[in-house]
C-alpha cells in the first residue's frame, strides 16, 4: 500500500508540473507559439529531473516489467489526472484565469471537431516523442544534452499537434469543458500515448535482437 501511495503522490506532482507547462504555453501562445512550446518543456524536465511518475514517461517500460506493472500505471494515471485537475482549477480562480480559459477553449474546439482515429494516431505519435525525451534524458551523459532532448521533444509534439493525455486534462479543465465525447477522446489519448511508447520500445528491442553479431 505504501508503494502505491508513493506512486500516487509522485504522479500528483507530475500532474502539477504538466499543468504549469500548459499554463505558460497558454499565456504566451498568441505572442509566439514556438517560445510557448519550448517553455512548456519545463514541466517534463522537472518530472524527469526529480524522477516523478508520469504515465506517458513510464508506460514505455511496460515490456520490461511483470503484468502487475499495469496496476502501477493505473494508479499513476489517476494521480496525473488528479494533479492536473486540481492545479488547473486553482489557477482558474486567479486573475489570469479568464485568459487561460479563452486560449484553452480555442484548442478544445479543434480537438472536439476531430475524428477518433485522428486523435488516436496523434496520441500514438506523442507517446513516441515522450518516450524519446525520457530515454534520451536517461542515456545522455552530458547535462546540456539532457536538457536539449527534453525541451526539443516536447516542443516538437506541441508544434506538430500531437495529443498528450495529461496536458489535455489540464486544457479541458482550464476551458471548463467536459462531455461524453471529451471523456472518450481522453481515454483514446491515454490508450494512444501508451501504444506509441510501447510499440517504439518494442521496435527498438526487436532491432537489437536482429542486429548482426559482428556489428
N, C-alpha and C. Protein backbone atom coordinates (compact mmCIF):
# COMPACT_ATOMS: atom_id res chain seq x y z
N UNK A 1 0.82 -1.20 0.00
CA UNK A 1 0.00 0.00 0.00
C UNK A 1 0.87 1.27 0.00
N UNK A 2 1.97 1.24 0.77
CA UNK A 2 2.87 2.39 0.83
C UNK A 2 3.45 2.70 -0.55
N UNK A 3 3.74 1.64 -1.30
CA UNK A 3 4.30 1.81 -2.64
C UNK A 3 3.34 2.57 -3.55
N UNK A 4 2.07 2.19 -3.49
CA UNK A 4 1.08 2.83 -4.36
C UNK A 4 0.75 4.25 -3.90
N UNK A 5 0.85 4.48 -2.59
CA UNK A 5 0.68 5.85 -2.08
C UNK A 5 1.80 6.74 -2.61
N UNK A 6 3.01 6.17 -2.64
CA UNK A 6 4.17 6.90 -3.17
C UNK A 6 3.97 7.21 -4.65
N UNK A 7 3.51 6.21 -5.41
CA UNK A 7 3.29 6.41 -6.85
C UNK A 7 2.23 7.47 -7.08
N UNK A 8 1.14 7.42 -6.30
CA UNK A 8 0.06 8.38 -6.49
C UNK A 8 0.52 9.80 -6.20
N UNK A 9 1.26 9.98 -5.09
CA UNK A 9 1.74 11.32 -4.75
C UNK A 9 2.73 11.82 -5.79
N UNK A 10 3.63 10.93 -6.22
CA UNK A 10 4.59 11.29 -7.27
C UNK A 10 3.86 11.68 -8.55
N UNK A 11 2.83 10.92 -8.88
CA UNK A 11 2.04 11.20 -10.08
C UNK A 11 1.26 12.50 -9.94
N UNK A 12 0.79 12.77 -8.73
CA UNK A 12 0.07 14.03 -8.47
C UNK A 12 0.98 15.23 -8.76
N UNK A 13 2.23 15.14 -8.29
CA UNK A 13 3.19 16.20 -8.53
C UNK A 13 3.51 16.33 -10.02
N UNK A 14 3.53 15.20 -10.72
CA UNK A 14 3.74 15.24 -12.17
C UNK A 14 2.61 15.97 -12.86
N UNK A 15 1.40 15.72 -12.39
CA UNK A 15 0.24 16.43 -12.94
C UNK A 15 0.36 17.92 -12.74
N UNK A 16 0.89 18.32 -11.57
CA UNK A 16 1.15 19.74 -11.31
C UNK A 16 2.15 20.30 -12.32
N UNK A 17 3.24 19.55 -12.55
CA UNK A 17 4.30 20.01 -13.46
C UNK A 17 3.77 20.20 -14.88
N UNK A 18 2.99 19.23 -15.35
CA UNK A 18 2.43 19.35 -16.70
C UNK A 18 1.48 20.54 -16.78
N UNK A 19 0.71 20.77 -15.72
CA UNK A 19 -0.23 21.89 -15.72
C UNK A 19 0.51 23.23 -15.74
N UNK A 20 1.64 23.30 -15.07
CA UNK A 20 2.45 24.52 -15.12
C UNK A 20 2.92 24.77 -16.55
N UNK A 21 3.33 23.69 -17.23
CA UNK A 21 3.73 23.80 -18.63
C UNK A 21 2.58 24.28 -19.50
N UNK A 22 1.39 23.73 -19.27
CA UNK A 22 0.20 24.14 -20.01
C UNK A 22 -0.12 25.60 -19.76
N UNK A 23 0.01 26.01 -18.51
CA UNK A 23 -0.30 27.39 -18.12
C UNK A 23 0.60 28.39 -18.85
N UNK A 24 1.89 28.14 -18.87
CA UNK A 24 2.80 29.08 -19.52
C UNK A 24 2.59 29.06 -21.04
N UNK A 25 2.29 27.88 -21.58
CA UNK A 25 2.03 27.80 -23.02
C UNK A 25 0.81 28.63 -23.41
N UNK A 26 -0.28 28.48 -22.67
CA UNK A 26 -1.49 29.24 -22.96
C UNK A 26 -1.28 30.74 -22.77
N UNK A 27 -0.37 31.09 -21.88
CA UNK A 27 -0.12 32.50 -21.59
C UNK A 27 0.63 33.22 -22.71
N UNK A 28 1.44 32.46 -23.47
CA UNK A 28 2.28 33.12 -24.48
C UNK A 28 2.01 32.64 -25.91
N UNK A 29 1.10 31.71 -26.09
CA UNK A 29 0.90 31.11 -27.41
C UNK A 29 0.53 32.15 -28.47
N UNK A 30 -0.23 33.16 -28.10
CA UNK A 30 -0.62 34.17 -29.08
C UNK A 30 0.53 35.12 -29.43
N UNK A 31 1.53 35.18 -28.55
CA UNK A 31 2.70 36.02 -28.81
C UNK A 31 3.70 35.28 -29.67
N UNK A 32 4.03 34.05 -29.27
CA UNK A 32 4.99 33.24 -30.03
C UNK A 32 4.78 31.77 -29.66
N UNK A 33 4.22 31.01 -30.58
CA UNK A 33 3.90 29.61 -30.32
C UNK A 33 5.15 28.77 -30.09
N UNK A 34 6.23 29.09 -30.81
CA UNK A 34 7.46 28.32 -30.66
C UNK A 34 8.04 28.51 -29.27
N UNK A 35 8.08 29.76 -28.81
CA UNK A 35 8.57 30.03 -27.46
C UNK A 35 7.69 29.33 -26.43
N UNK A 36 6.38 29.39 -26.63
CA UNK A 36 5.46 28.72 -25.72
C UNK A 36 5.70 27.22 -25.64
N UNK A 37 5.96 26.61 -26.79
CA UNK A 37 6.19 25.16 -26.81
C UNK A 37 7.48 24.79 -26.09
N UNK A 38 8.49 25.65 -26.19
CA UNK A 38 9.76 25.39 -25.51
C UNK A 38 9.60 25.57 -24.00
N UNK A 39 8.88 26.61 -23.59
CA UNK A 39 8.66 26.84 -22.17
C UNK A 39 7.83 25.72 -21.54
N UNK A 40 6.93 25.15 -22.33
CA UNK A 40 6.13 24.01 -21.86
C UNK A 40 7.04 22.88 -21.38
N UNK A 41 8.21 22.75 -22.03
CA UNK A 41 9.13 21.67 -21.72
C UNK A 41 9.64 21.67 -20.29
N UNK A 42 9.52 22.81 -19.60
CA UNK A 42 9.97 22.86 -18.21
C UNK A 42 9.22 21.85 -17.35
N UNK A 43 7.94 21.64 -17.68
CA UNK A 43 7.14 20.68 -16.92
C UNK A 43 7.72 19.28 -17.00
N UNK A 44 8.01 18.81 -18.22
CA UNK A 44 8.56 17.47 -18.38
C UNK A 44 9.98 17.38 -17.83
N UNK A 45 10.75 18.46 -18.01
CA UNK A 45 12.12 18.45 -17.49
C UNK A 45 12.12 18.29 -15.97
N UNK A 46 11.22 18.99 -15.30
CA UNK A 46 11.11 18.84 -13.85
C UNK A 46 10.74 17.43 -13.44
N UNK A 47 9.88 16.81 -14.23
CA UNK A 47 9.43 15.45 -13.93
C UNK A 47 10.58 14.45 -14.05
N UNK A 48 11.31 14.50 -15.15
CA UNK A 48 12.41 13.54 -15.34
C UNK A 48 13.58 13.85 -14.40
N UNK A 49 13.78 15.13 -14.09
CA UNK A 49 14.88 15.52 -13.20
C UNK A 49 14.64 15.01 -11.79
N UNK A 50 13.41 15.11 -11.31
CA UNK A 50 13.08 14.66 -9.96
C UNK A 50 12.55 13.22 -9.93
N UNK A 51 12.56 12.58 -11.10
CA UNK A 51 12.11 11.19 -11.24
C UNK A 51 10.68 10.99 -10.71
N UNK A 52 9.80 11.88 -11.11
CA UNK A 52 8.39 11.76 -10.74
C UNK A 52 7.67 10.81 -11.68
N UNK A 53 6.51 10.36 -11.26
CA UNK A 53 5.76 9.36 -12.04
C UNK A 53 4.80 10.03 -13.01
N UNK A 54 5.16 10.02 -14.27
CA UNK A 54 4.27 10.49 -15.33
C UNK A 54 3.90 9.30 -16.21
N UNK A 55 2.62 9.05 -16.36
CA UNK A 55 2.16 7.90 -17.14
C UNK A 55 2.84 7.80 -18.49
N UNK A 56 2.88 8.89 -19.23
CA UNK A 56 3.44 8.84 -20.58
C UNK A 56 4.95 8.61 -20.57
N UNK A 57 5.60 8.90 -19.45
CA UNK A 57 7.03 8.64 -19.34
C UNK A 57 7.34 7.26 -18.82
N UNK A 58 6.37 6.61 -18.15
CA UNK A 58 6.58 5.29 -17.55
C UNK A 58 6.00 4.14 -18.38
N UNK A 59 4.98 4.42 -19.19
CA UNK A 59 4.32 3.34 -19.92
C UNK A 59 5.26 2.66 -20.92
N UNK A 60 6.29 3.37 -21.37
CA UNK A 60 7.25 2.78 -22.29
C UNK A 60 8.08 1.67 -21.67
N UNK A 61 8.01 1.53 -20.33
CA UNK A 61 8.74 0.47 -19.64
C UNK A 61 7.91 -0.80 -19.48
N UNK A 62 6.73 -0.82 -20.06
CA UNK A 62 5.79 -1.92 -19.85
C UNK A 62 6.40 -3.29 -20.21
N UNK A 63 7.12 -3.36 -21.31
CA UNK A 63 7.68 -4.65 -21.76
C UNK A 63 8.80 -5.15 -20.87
N UNK A 64 9.35 -4.28 -20.04
CA UNK A 64 10.44 -4.67 -19.14
C UNK A 64 9.95 -5.10 -17.77
N UNK A 65 8.63 -5.07 -17.57
CA UNK A 65 8.08 -5.35 -16.25
C UNK A 65 7.05 -6.48 -16.29
N UNK A 66 6.70 -6.97 -15.12
CA UNK A 66 5.69 -8.00 -14.98
C UNK A 66 4.30 -7.38 -15.14
N UNK A 67 3.27 -8.22 -15.37
CA UNK A 67 1.91 -7.70 -15.58
C UNK A 67 1.40 -6.78 -14.48
N UNK A 68 1.87 -6.98 -13.23
CA UNK A 68 1.39 -6.13 -12.13
C UNK A 68 1.81 -4.67 -12.31
N UNK A 69 2.74 -4.44 -13.23
CA UNK A 69 3.16 -3.06 -13.51
C UNK A 69 1.99 -2.24 -14.05
N UNK A 70 1.02 -2.93 -14.66
CA UNK A 70 -0.16 -2.24 -15.20
C UNK A 70 -0.91 -1.53 -14.07
N UNK A 71 -0.96 -2.15 -12.88
CA UNK A 71 -1.63 -1.53 -11.74
C UNK A 71 -0.91 -0.23 -11.35
N UNK A 72 0.42 -0.25 -11.42
CA UNK A 72 1.18 0.97 -11.13
C UNK A 72 0.84 2.07 -12.13
N UNK A 73 0.69 1.69 -13.39
CA UNK A 73 0.33 2.66 -14.42
C UNK A 73 -1.06 3.25 -14.18
N UNK A 74 -1.99 2.39 -13.73
CA UNK A 74 -3.35 2.86 -13.45
C UNK A 74 -3.34 3.85 -12.29
N UNK A 75 -2.63 3.51 -11.21
CA UNK A 75 -2.52 4.42 -10.07
C UNK A 75 -1.85 5.72 -10.51
N UNK A 76 -0.82 5.58 -11.35
CA UNK A 76 -0.10 6.74 -11.84
C UNK A 76 -0.96 7.66 -12.67
N UNK A 77 -1.73 7.10 -13.59
CA UNK A 77 -2.56 7.95 -14.47
C UNK A 77 -3.64 8.65 -13.65
N UNK A 78 -4.16 7.98 -12.64
CA UNK A 78 -5.16 8.61 -11.77
C UNK A 78 -4.55 9.78 -11.00
N UNK A 79 -3.31 9.59 -10.54
CA UNK A 79 -2.62 10.68 -9.85
C UNK A 79 -2.31 11.84 -10.78
N UNK A 80 -1.88 11.52 -12.00
CA UNK A 80 -1.61 12.56 -13.00
C UNK A 80 -2.86 13.38 -13.29
N UNK A 81 -3.97 12.70 -13.50
CA UNK A 81 -5.23 13.37 -13.81
C UNK A 81 -5.67 14.25 -12.64
N UNK A 82 -5.58 13.70 -11.42
CA UNK A 82 -5.97 14.46 -10.24
C UNK A 82 -5.11 15.71 -10.10
N UNK A 83 -3.80 15.57 -10.30
CA UNK A 83 -2.91 16.71 -10.19
C UNK A 83 -3.23 17.80 -11.19
N UNK A 84 -3.49 17.39 -12.43
CA UNK A 84 -3.81 18.36 -13.49
C UNK A 84 -5.12 19.08 -13.19
N UNK A 85 -6.12 18.35 -12.76
CA UNK A 85 -7.43 18.96 -12.47
C UNK A 85 -7.34 19.91 -11.28
N UNK A 86 -6.65 19.48 -10.23
CA UNK A 86 -6.56 20.29 -9.01
C UNK A 86 -5.85 21.61 -9.27
N UNK A 87 -4.65 21.55 -9.87
CA UNK A 87 -3.89 22.79 -10.06
C UNK A 87 -4.55 23.69 -11.10
N UNK A 88 -5.07 23.12 -12.18
CA UNK A 88 -5.75 23.94 -13.19
C UNK A 88 -6.97 24.63 -12.59
N UNK A 89 -7.69 23.93 -11.73
CA UNK A 89 -8.87 24.51 -11.09
C UNK A 89 -8.49 25.65 -10.16
N UNK A 90 -7.36 25.52 -9.47
CA UNK A 90 -6.90 26.58 -8.57
C UNK A 90 -6.46 27.80 -9.38
N UNK A 91 -5.68 27.56 -10.45
CA UNK A 91 -5.18 28.67 -11.26
C UNK A 91 -6.34 29.42 -11.92
N UNK A 92 -7.41 28.71 -12.25
CA UNK A 92 -8.56 29.34 -12.93
C UNK A 92 -9.20 30.46 -12.11
N UNK A 93 -9.08 30.40 -10.79
CA UNK A 93 -9.74 31.41 -9.97
C UNK A 93 -8.85 32.64 -9.74
N UNK A 94 -7.66 32.65 -10.33
CA UNK A 94 -6.77 33.81 -10.21
C UNK A 94 -7.08 34.81 -11.33
N UNK A 95 -6.35 35.91 -11.33
CA UNK A 95 -6.60 36.96 -12.33
C UNK A 95 -6.24 36.53 -13.74
N UNK A 96 -5.43 35.49 -13.90
CA UNK A 96 -5.06 35.04 -15.24
C UNK A 96 -6.02 33.97 -15.77
N UNK A 97 -6.99 33.59 -14.94
CA UNK A 97 -7.89 32.51 -15.30
C UNK A 97 -8.70 32.73 -16.56
N UNK A 98 -9.22 33.93 -16.73
CA UNK A 98 -10.07 34.22 -17.89
C UNK A 98 -9.29 34.09 -19.20
N UNK A 99 -8.08 34.59 -19.23
CA UNK A 99 -7.25 34.50 -20.43
C UNK A 99 -6.90 33.05 -20.76
N UNK A 100 -6.56 32.28 -19.72
CA UNK A 100 -6.23 30.87 -19.92
C UNK A 100 -7.44 30.09 -20.44
N UNK A 101 -8.62 30.41 -19.89
CA UNK A 101 -9.85 29.74 -20.33
C UNK A 101 -10.12 30.03 -21.80
N UNK A 102 -9.94 31.27 -22.21
CA UNK A 102 -10.19 31.66 -23.60
C UNK A 102 -9.25 30.93 -24.56
N UNK A 103 -7.96 30.88 -24.21
CA UNK A 103 -6.99 30.22 -25.09
C UNK A 103 -7.19 28.71 -25.10
N UNK A 104 -7.50 28.15 -23.94
CA UNK A 104 -7.73 26.70 -23.86
C UNK A 104 -8.93 26.29 -24.69
N UNK A 105 -9.98 27.12 -24.69
CA UNK A 105 -11.20 26.79 -25.43
C UNK A 105 -10.94 26.73 -26.93
N UNK A 106 -10.02 27.56 -27.41
CA UNK A 106 -9.67 27.51 -28.84
C UNK A 106 -9.09 26.15 -29.20
N UNK A 107 -8.25 25.62 -28.34
CA UNK A 107 -7.64 24.31 -28.59
C UNK A 107 -8.67 23.19 -28.47
N UNK A 108 -9.55 23.32 -27.47
CA UNK A 108 -10.56 22.28 -27.24
C UNK A 108 -11.52 22.19 -28.42
N UNK A 109 -11.87 23.31 -29.01
CA UNK A 109 -12.77 23.30 -30.16
C UNK A 109 -12.17 22.52 -31.32
N UNK A 110 -10.87 22.66 -31.52
CA UNK A 110 -10.19 21.92 -32.58
C UNK A 110 -10.24 20.42 -32.29
N UNK A 111 -9.98 20.06 -31.04
CA UNK A 111 -9.97 18.65 -30.66
C UNK A 111 -11.37 18.04 -30.77
N UNK A 112 -12.36 18.76 -30.31
CA UNK A 112 -13.73 18.24 -30.31
C UNK A 112 -14.28 18.04 -31.72
N UNK A 113 -13.74 18.78 -32.68
CA UNK A 113 -14.19 18.63 -34.07
C UNK A 113 -13.36 17.62 -34.85
N UNK A 114 -12.42 16.98 -34.17
CA UNK A 114 -11.56 16.00 -34.82
C UNK A 114 -12.23 14.63 -34.83
N UNK A 115 -11.66 13.69 -35.58
CA UNK A 115 -12.18 12.32 -35.63
C UNK A 115 -11.46 11.46 -34.60
N UNK A 116 -12.07 10.34 -34.23
CA UNK A 116 -11.47 9.48 -33.21
C UNK A 116 -10.15 8.88 -33.67
N UNK A 117 -10.08 8.52 -34.95
CA UNK A 117 -8.84 7.90 -35.43
C UNK A 117 -7.71 8.91 -35.53
N UNK A 118 -8.05 10.17 -35.82
CA UNK A 118 -7.04 11.22 -35.84
C UNK A 118 -6.48 11.43 -34.44
N UNK A 119 -7.37 11.48 -33.44
CA UNK A 119 -6.95 11.64 -32.05
C UNK A 119 -6.05 10.48 -31.64
N UNK A 120 -6.41 9.27 -32.02
CA UNK A 120 -5.63 8.09 -31.65
C UNK A 120 -4.24 8.13 -32.27
N UNK A 121 -4.16 8.45 -33.55
CA UNK A 121 -2.87 8.49 -34.25
C UNK A 121 -1.97 9.58 -33.66
N UNK A 122 -2.54 10.76 -33.45
CA UNK A 122 -1.76 11.86 -32.89
C UNK A 122 -1.30 11.55 -31.47
N UNK A 123 -2.10 10.79 -30.75
CA UNK A 123 -1.72 10.38 -29.39
C UNK A 123 -0.57 9.37 -29.42
N UNK A 124 -0.61 8.46 -30.38
CA UNK A 124 0.48 7.49 -30.53
C UNK A 124 1.80 8.20 -30.83
N UNK A 125 1.75 9.19 -31.69
CA UNK A 125 2.96 9.94 -32.05
C UNK A 125 3.49 10.72 -30.85
N UNK A 126 2.59 11.24 -30.02
CA UNK A 126 3.02 11.94 -28.81
C UNK A 126 3.69 10.95 -27.86
N UNK A 127 3.15 9.75 -27.77
CA UNK A 127 3.75 8.73 -26.92
C UNK A 127 5.19 8.43 -27.32
N UNK A 128 5.43 8.40 -28.62
CA UNK A 128 6.79 8.17 -29.13
C UNK A 128 7.71 9.32 -28.72
N UNK A 129 7.24 10.55 -28.84
CA UNK A 129 8.07 11.70 -28.52
C UNK A 129 8.42 11.77 -27.03
N UNK A 130 7.45 11.44 -26.17
CA UNK A 130 7.73 11.44 -24.74
C UNK A 130 8.69 10.31 -24.38
N UNK A 131 8.50 9.17 -25.01
CA UNK A 131 9.44 8.05 -24.80
C UNK A 131 10.85 8.49 -25.18
N UNK A 132 10.96 9.14 -26.32
CA UNK A 132 12.24 9.61 -26.81
C UNK A 132 12.86 10.60 -25.83
N UNK A 133 12.06 11.54 -25.33
CA UNK A 133 12.57 12.55 -24.41
C UNK A 133 13.08 11.93 -23.11
N UNK A 134 12.30 11.01 -22.54
CA UNK A 134 12.66 10.40 -21.26
C UNK A 134 13.88 9.51 -21.40
N UNK A 135 13.90 8.65 -22.42
CA UNK A 135 15.02 7.72 -22.59
C UNK A 135 16.32 8.45 -22.92
N UNK A 136 16.25 9.44 -23.77
CA UNK A 136 17.46 10.18 -24.11
C UNK A 136 17.97 10.98 -22.92
N UNK A 137 17.06 11.47 -22.10
CA UNK A 137 17.47 12.17 -20.89
C UNK A 137 18.22 11.22 -19.96
N UNK A 138 17.78 9.97 -19.90
CA UNK A 138 18.43 8.98 -19.04
C UNK A 138 19.78 8.54 -19.60
N UNK A 139 19.87 8.40 -20.91
CA UNK A 139 21.08 7.84 -21.51
C UNK A 139 22.16 8.87 -21.80
N UNK A 140 21.77 10.09 -22.07
CA UNK A 140 22.75 11.11 -22.44
C UNK A 140 23.68 11.40 -21.26
N UNK A 141 24.97 11.45 -21.52
CA UNK A 141 25.96 11.66 -20.47
C UNK A 141 26.18 13.14 -20.16
N UNK A 142 25.73 14.01 -21.02
CA UNK A 142 26.00 15.43 -20.85
C UNK A 142 24.75 16.18 -20.40
N UNK A 143 24.93 17.08 -19.45
CA UNK A 143 23.81 17.83 -18.90
C UNK A 143 23.08 18.62 -19.98
N UNK A 144 23.83 19.29 -20.85
CA UNK A 144 23.22 20.08 -21.91
C UNK A 144 22.39 19.19 -22.84
N UNK A 145 22.91 18.00 -23.13
CA UNK A 145 22.17 17.06 -23.98
C UNK A 145 20.87 16.64 -23.36
N UNK A 146 20.87 16.39 -22.04
CA UNK A 146 19.65 16.02 -21.33
C UNK A 146 18.59 17.10 -21.47
N UNK A 147 19.03 18.34 -21.33
CA UNK A 147 18.11 19.48 -21.41
C UNK A 147 17.56 19.61 -22.83
N UNK A 148 18.44 19.53 -23.81
CA UNK A 148 18.03 19.70 -25.20
C UNK A 148 17.02 18.64 -25.62
N UNK A 149 17.32 17.38 -25.33
CA UNK A 149 16.42 16.29 -25.72
C UNK A 149 15.04 16.47 -25.12
N UNK A 150 15.00 16.87 -23.85
CA UNK A 150 13.72 17.01 -23.16
C UNK A 150 12.90 18.15 -23.75
N UNK A 151 13.50 19.33 -23.87
CA UNK A 151 12.76 20.51 -24.33
C UNK A 151 12.39 20.41 -25.81
N UNK A 152 13.29 19.90 -26.64
CA UNK A 152 13.01 19.81 -28.07
C UNK A 152 11.91 18.80 -28.36
N UNK A 153 11.95 17.66 -27.67
CA UNK A 153 10.92 16.63 -27.89
C UNK A 153 9.53 17.16 -27.55
N UNK A 154 9.44 17.91 -26.45
CA UNK A 154 8.16 18.49 -26.06
C UNK A 154 7.72 19.54 -27.07
N UNK A 155 8.65 20.38 -27.49
CA UNK A 155 8.34 21.42 -28.46
C UNK A 155 7.82 20.81 -29.76
N UNK A 156 8.45 19.71 -30.19
CA UNK A 156 8.05 19.04 -31.42
C UNK A 156 6.63 18.50 -31.33
N UNK A 157 6.30 17.85 -30.21
CA UNK A 157 4.94 17.27 -30.14
C UNK A 157 3.87 18.35 -30.05
N UNK A 158 4.20 19.48 -29.44
CA UNK A 158 3.22 20.56 -29.35
C UNK A 158 3.04 21.24 -30.71
N UNK A 159 4.15 21.59 -31.35
CA UNK A 159 4.06 22.28 -32.64
C UNK A 159 3.46 21.39 -33.72
N UNK A 160 3.63 20.08 -33.57
CA UNK A 160 3.08 19.13 -34.55
C UNK A 160 1.60 18.84 -34.31
N UNK A 161 1.10 19.22 -33.14
CA UNK A 161 -0.31 18.97 -32.84
C UNK A 161 -0.59 17.60 -32.27
N UNK A 162 0.44 16.92 -31.76
CA UNK A 162 0.23 15.61 -31.15
C UNK A 162 -0.53 15.77 -29.83
N UNK A 163 -1.18 14.68 -29.40
CA UNK A 163 -2.07 14.75 -28.24
C UNK A 163 -1.48 14.07 -27.01
N UNK A 164 -1.28 14.84 -25.95
CA UNK A 164 -0.78 14.32 -24.67
C UNK A 164 -1.93 14.28 -23.68
N UNK A 165 -2.21 13.09 -23.15
CA UNK A 165 -3.42 12.91 -22.34
C UNK A 165 -3.47 13.81 -21.11
N UNK A 166 -2.37 13.95 -20.37
CA UNK A 166 -2.41 14.74 -19.15
C UNK A 166 -2.47 16.23 -19.46
N UNK A 167 -1.72 16.66 -20.47
CA UNK A 167 -1.80 18.05 -20.88
C UNK A 167 -3.24 18.40 -21.28
N UNK A 168 -3.90 17.47 -21.95
CA UNK A 168 -5.27 17.72 -22.38
C UNK A 168 -6.25 17.75 -21.21
N UNK A 169 -5.97 16.99 -20.16
CA UNK A 169 -6.81 17.11 -18.96
C UNK A 169 -6.74 18.54 -18.43
N UNK A 170 -5.53 19.11 -18.44
CA UNK A 170 -5.36 20.50 -18.00
C UNK A 170 -6.07 21.46 -18.95
N UNK A 171 -5.94 21.23 -20.26
CA UNK A 171 -6.61 22.10 -21.23
C UNK A 171 -8.13 22.08 -21.02
N UNK A 172 -8.69 20.89 -20.89
CA UNK A 172 -10.14 20.76 -20.71
C UNK A 172 -10.58 21.42 -19.39
N UNK A 173 -9.74 21.30 -18.36
CA UNK A 173 -10.09 21.91 -17.08
C UNK A 173 -10.04 23.43 -17.16
N UNK A 174 -9.01 23.97 -17.78
CA UNK A 174 -8.92 25.42 -17.96
C UNK A 174 -10.10 25.94 -18.78
N UNK A 175 -10.49 25.17 -19.80
CA UNK A 175 -11.61 25.58 -20.65
C UNK A 175 -12.94 25.41 -19.95
N UNK A 176 -12.98 24.56 -18.92
CA UNK A 176 -14.24 24.29 -18.23
C UNK A 176 -15.20 23.52 -19.12
N UNK A 177 -14.64 22.65 -19.96
CA UNK A 177 -15.46 21.93 -20.94
C UNK A 177 -15.30 20.42 -20.73
N UNK A 178 -16.42 19.76 -20.42
CA UNK A 178 -16.42 18.30 -20.28
C UNK A 178 -17.74 17.75 -20.78
N UNK A 179 -17.67 16.71 -21.61
CA UNK A 179 -18.85 15.96 -22.02
C UNK A 179 -18.42 14.54 -22.34
N UNK A 180 -19.33 13.71 -22.78
CA UNK A 180 -19.00 12.31 -23.04
C UNK A 180 -17.98 12.16 -24.16
N UNK A 181 -18.08 13.01 -25.18
CA UNK A 181 -17.11 12.95 -26.28
C UNK A 181 -15.72 13.31 -25.79
N UNK A 182 -15.64 14.31 -24.94
CA UNK A 182 -14.35 14.71 -24.37
C UNK A 182 -13.76 13.57 -23.55
N UNK A 183 -14.59 12.90 -22.75
CA UNK A 183 -14.14 11.77 -21.96
C UNK A 183 -13.64 10.64 -22.86
N UNK A 184 -14.38 10.37 -23.92
CA UNK A 184 -13.97 9.33 -24.86
C UNK A 184 -12.64 9.66 -25.52
N UNK A 185 -12.46 10.92 -25.88
CA UNK A 185 -11.21 11.34 -26.50
C UNK A 185 -10.04 11.24 -25.51
N UNK A 186 -10.28 11.59 -24.25
CA UNK A 186 -9.22 11.48 -23.25
C UNK A 186 -8.80 10.02 -23.05
N UNK A 187 -9.76 9.12 -23.07
CA UNK A 187 -9.44 7.69 -22.97
C UNK A 187 -8.65 7.23 -24.18
N UNK A 188 -9.01 7.74 -25.36
CA UNK A 188 -8.25 7.42 -26.57
C UNK A 188 -6.83 7.95 -26.48
N UNK A 189 -6.67 9.13 -25.91
CA UNK A 189 -5.34 9.72 -25.75
C UNK A 189 -4.48 8.89 -24.81
N UNK A 190 -5.07 8.42 -23.72
CA UNK A 190 -4.34 7.56 -22.79
C UNK A 190 -3.90 6.30 -23.49
N UNK A 191 -4.82 5.69 -24.23
CA UNK A 191 -4.51 4.47 -24.97
C UNK A 191 -3.45 4.74 -26.04
N UNK A 192 -3.62 5.81 -26.80
CA UNK A 192 -2.69 6.12 -27.87
C UNK A 192 -1.30 6.45 -27.37
N UNK A 193 -1.20 7.23 -26.30
CA UNK A 193 0.11 7.53 -25.72
C UNK A 193 0.83 6.25 -25.32
N UNK A 194 0.07 5.32 -24.74
CA UNK A 194 0.66 4.04 -24.34
C UNK A 194 1.08 3.19 -25.52
N UNK A 195 0.23 3.11 -26.53
CA UNK A 195 0.54 2.32 -27.72
C UNK A 195 1.81 2.84 -28.40
N UNK A 196 1.89 4.15 -28.57
CA UNK A 196 3.04 4.73 -29.23
C UNK A 196 4.34 4.42 -28.52
N UNK A 197 4.36 4.62 -27.20
CA UNK A 197 5.57 4.38 -26.42
C UNK A 197 5.96 2.91 -26.40
N UNK A 198 4.99 2.03 -26.20
CA UNK A 198 5.27 0.59 -26.11
C UNK A 198 5.73 0.03 -27.46
N UNK A 199 5.07 0.44 -28.54
CA UNK A 199 5.46 -0.05 -29.86
C UNK A 199 6.86 0.42 -30.23
N UNK A 200 7.18 1.66 -29.91
CA UNK A 200 8.52 2.17 -30.22
C UNK A 200 9.58 1.43 -29.40
N UNK A 201 9.27 1.20 -28.13
CA UNK A 201 10.18 0.44 -27.28
C UNK A 201 10.35 -0.98 -27.79
N UNK A 202 9.24 -1.60 -28.20
CA UNK A 202 9.29 -2.96 -28.73
C UNK A 202 10.08 -3.04 -30.02
N UNK A 203 9.92 -2.02 -30.88
CA UNK A 203 10.65 -1.99 -32.14
C UNK A 203 12.16 -1.88 -31.90
N UNK A 204 12.55 -1.08 -30.91
CA UNK A 204 13.97 -0.95 -30.58
C UNK A 204 14.54 -2.26 -30.04
N UNK A 205 13.75 -2.95 -29.22
CA UNK A 205 14.18 -4.24 -28.67
C UNK A 205 14.33 -5.27 -29.79
N UNK A 206 13.39 -5.29 -30.73
CA UNK A 206 13.46 -6.22 -31.86
C UNK A 206 14.66 -5.90 -32.74
N UNK A 207 14.91 -4.63 -32.94
CA UNK A 207 16.05 -4.20 -33.75
C UNK A 207 17.35 -4.68 -33.12
N UNK A 208 17.44 -4.61 -31.79
CA UNK A 208 18.64 -5.04 -31.10
C UNK A 208 18.86 -6.54 -31.25
N UNK A 209 17.76 -7.31 -31.22
CA UNK A 209 17.88 -8.76 -31.37
C UNK A 209 18.27 -9.15 -32.79
N UNK A 210 17.83 -8.37 -33.77
CA UNK A 210 18.12 -8.68 -35.16
C UNK A 210 19.49 -8.16 -35.60
N UNK A 211 20.10 -7.36 -34.76
CA UNK A 211 21.38 -6.79 -35.12
C UNK A 211 22.45 -7.85 -35.28
N UNK A 212 23.16 -7.87 -36.40
CA UNK A 212 24.23 -8.87 -36.62
C UNK A 212 25.28 -8.79 -35.53
N UNK A 213 25.80 -9.95 -35.12
CA UNK A 213 26.75 -10.01 -34.02
C UNK A 213 28.06 -9.31 -34.30
N UNK A 214 28.43 -9.23 -35.58
CA UNK A 214 29.73 -8.61 -35.94
C UNK A 214 29.65 -7.10 -36.08
N UNK A 215 28.53 -6.51 -35.73
CA UNK A 215 28.38 -5.04 -35.82
C UNK A 215 28.29 -4.42 -34.44
